Amino acid sequence: MNECFLDNQKQSEHIIFKTATGYQKIYIHEIEYIEAQNKHCCFYLVSKEQVEVMIPLYKLEEQLNKYKIFFNVIEVI
């Protein structure tokens, strides 16, 4: 039963971001990957939805670091 509670708690973790049309709640478990686009970031979700938020990547990384499930991929040429 304790495992079930922890699973539900992890699925309810979310962050609220400002978008062009207002604010949107994004659940952590729904994030597939994030792409930086100038001073904005685009979230690609498991549901195939794309959400553009008005926050630079470096600030977003600060918020997501506490979840310890995200990492930054740097392309080396």
C-alpha atoms as a PDB file:
ATOM      1  CA  MET A   1       0.000   0.000   0.000  1.00  0.00           C
ATOM      2  CA  ASN A   2       2.894   2.323   0.744  1.00  0.00           C
ATOM      3  CA  GLU A   3       4.269   1.763  -2.788  1.00  0.00           C
ATOM      4  CA  CYS A   4       0.904   2.685  -4.265  1.00  0.00           C
ATOM      5  CA  PHE A   5       0.874   5.948  -2.306  1.00  0.00           C
ATOM      6  CA  LEU A   6       4.394   6.815  -3.493  1.00  0.00           C
ATOM      7  CA  ASP A   7       3.474   6.061  -7.129  1.00  0.00           C
ATOM      8  CA  ASN A   8       0.420   8.322  -6.908  1.00  0.00           C
ATOM      9  CA  GLN A   9       2.474  11.044  -5.261  1.00  0.00           C
ATOM     10  CA  LYS A  10       5.082  10.936  -8.071  1.00  0.00           C
ATOM     11  CA  GLN A  11       2.370  11.072 -10.735  1.00  0.00           C
ATOM     12  CA  SER A  12       0.883  14.185  -9.161  1.00  0.00           C
ATOM     13  CA  GLU A  13       4.164  16.154  -9.146  1.00  0.00           C
ATOM     14  CA  HIS A  14       3.860  19.098 -11.482  1.00  0.00           C
ATOM     15  CA  ILE A  15       5.203  22.517 -12.371  1.00  0.00           C
ATOM     16  CA  ILE A  16       3.152  25.501 -13.523  1.00  0.00           C
ATOM     17  CA  PHE A  17       4.611  27.600 -16.337  1.00  0.00           C
ATOM     18  CA  LYS A  18       3.656  30.799 -18.112  1.00  0.00           C
ATOM     19  CA  THR A  19       2.777  30.282 -21.776  1.00  0.00           C
ATOM     20  CA  ALA A  20       1.713  32.658 -24.547  1.00  0.00           C
ATOM     21  CA  THR A  21      -1.945  32.049 -23.658  1.00  0.00           C
ATOM     22  CA  GLY A  22      -1.747  32.014 -19.849  1.00  0.00           C
ATOM     23  CA  TYR A  23      -0.495  29.397 -17.396  1.00  0.00           C
ATOM     24  CA  GLN A  24      -0.281  25.642 -17.813  1.00  0.00           C
ATOM     25  CA  LYS A  25       0.320  22.803 -15.380  1.00  0.00           C
ATOM     26  CA  ILE A  26       2.765  20.191 -16.676  1.00  0.00           C
ATOM     27  CA  TYR A  27       3.027  16.879 -14.851  1.00  0.00           C
ATOM     28  CA  ILE A  28       6.608  15.681 -14.432  1.00  0.00           C
ATOM     29  CA  HIS A  29       5.772  12.104 -15.467  1.00  0.00           C
ATOM     30  CA  GLU A  30       4.309  13.406 -18.772  1.00  0.00           C
ATOM     31  CA  ILE A  31       7.549  15.059 -19.984  1.00  0.00           C
ATOM     32  CA  GLU A  32       9.294  13.175 -22.775  1.00  0.00           C
ATOM     33  CA  TYR A  33      11.936  15.815 -23.524  1.00  0.00           C
ATOM     34  CA  ILE A  34      12.508  19.574 -23.545  1.00  0.00           C
ATOM     35  CA  GLU A  35      14.003  21.653 -26.330  1.00  0.00           C
ATOM     36  CA  ALA A  36      15.502  25.145 -25.921  1.00  0.00           C
ATOM     37  CA  GLN A  37      14.298  27.755 -28.418  1.00  0.00           C
ATOM     38  CA  ASN A  38      15.988  31.142 -27.853  1.00  0.00           C
ATOM     39  CA  LYS A  39      14.557  32.446 -24.547  1.00  0.00           C
ATOM     40  CA  HIS A  40      11.723  29.905 -24.544  1.00  0.00           C
ATOM     41  CA  CYS A  41      11.547  26.141 -24.073  1.00  0.00           C
ATOM     42  CA  CYS A  42       9.266  23.627 -25.713  1.00  0.00           C
ATOM     43  CA  PHE A  43       8.031  20.627 -23.732  1.00  0.00           C
ATOM     44  CA  TYR A  44       7.273  17.482 -25.725  1.00  0.00           C
ATOM     45  CA  LEU A  45       4.845  15.380 -23.727  1.00  0.00           C
ATOM     46  CA  VAL A  46       4.019  11.674 -23.801  1.00  0.00           C
ATOM     47  CA  SER A  47       0.588  12.612 -25.184  1.00  0.00           C
ATOM     48  CA  LYS A  48       2.369  14.111 -28.274  1.00  0.00           C
ATOM     49  CA  GLU A  49       1.331  17.590 -27.108  1.00  0.00           C
ATOM     50  CA  GLN A  50       3.855  20.424 -27.392  1.00  0.00           C
ATOM     51  CA  VAL A  51       3.841  23.230 -24.840  1.00  0.00           C
ATOM     52  CA  GLU A  52       6.001  26.308 -25.339  1.00  0.00           C
ATOM     53  CA  VAL A  53       6.875  28.066 -22.083  1.00  0.00           C
ATOM     54  CA  MET A  54       8.346  31.499 -21.564  1.00  0.00           C
ATOM     55  CA  ILE A  55      11.429  30.583 -19.550  1.00  0.00           C
ATOM     56  CA  PRO A  56      15.071  30.160 -20.626  1.00  0.00           C
ATOM     57  CA  LEU A  57      16.624  26.719 -20.316  1.00  0.00           C
ATOM     58  CA  TYR A  58      19.056  27.638 -17.541  1.00  0.00           C
ATOM     59  CA  LYS A  59      16.183  28.709 -15.258  1.00  0.00           C
ATOM     60  CA  LEU A  60      14.192  25.632 -16.191  1.00  0.00           C
ATOM     61  CA  GLU A  61      17.125  23.393 -15.285  1.00  0.00           C
ATOM     62  CA  GLU A  62      17.217  24.955 -11.808  1.00  0.00           C
ATOM     63  CA  GLN A  63      13.565  23.995 -11.271  1.00  0.00           C
ATOM     64  CA  LEU A  64      13.913  20.467 -12.659  1.00  0.00           C
ATOM     65  CA  ASN A  65      17.150  19.568 -10.826  1.00  0.00           C
ATOM     66  CA  LYS A  66      15.239  18.602  -7.691  1.00  0.00           C
ATOM     67  CA  TYR A  67      13.548  15.707  -9.523  1.00  0.00           C
ATOM     68  CA  LYS A  68      16.873  14.025 -10.381  1.00  0.00           C
ATOM     69  CA  ILE A  69      15.391  12.374 -13.480  1.00  0.00           C
ATOM     70  CA  PHE A  70      16.393  14.963 -16.085  1.00  0.00           C
ATOM     71  CA  PHE A  71      19.762  15.488 -17.697  1.00  0.00           C
ATOM     72  CA  ASN A  72      21.177  17.867 -20.278  1.00  0.00           C
ATOM     73  CA  VAL A  73      22.356  16.329 -23.543  1.00  0.00           C
ATOM     74  CA  ILE A  74      25.054  18.301 -25.318  1.00  0.00           C
ATOM     75  CA  GLU A  75      25.690  17.479 -28.949  1.00  0.00           C
ATOM     76  CA  VAL A  76      29.410  17.234 -29.730  1.00  0.00           C
ATOM     77  CA  ILE A  77      30.474  17.852 -33.319  1.00  0.00           C
END
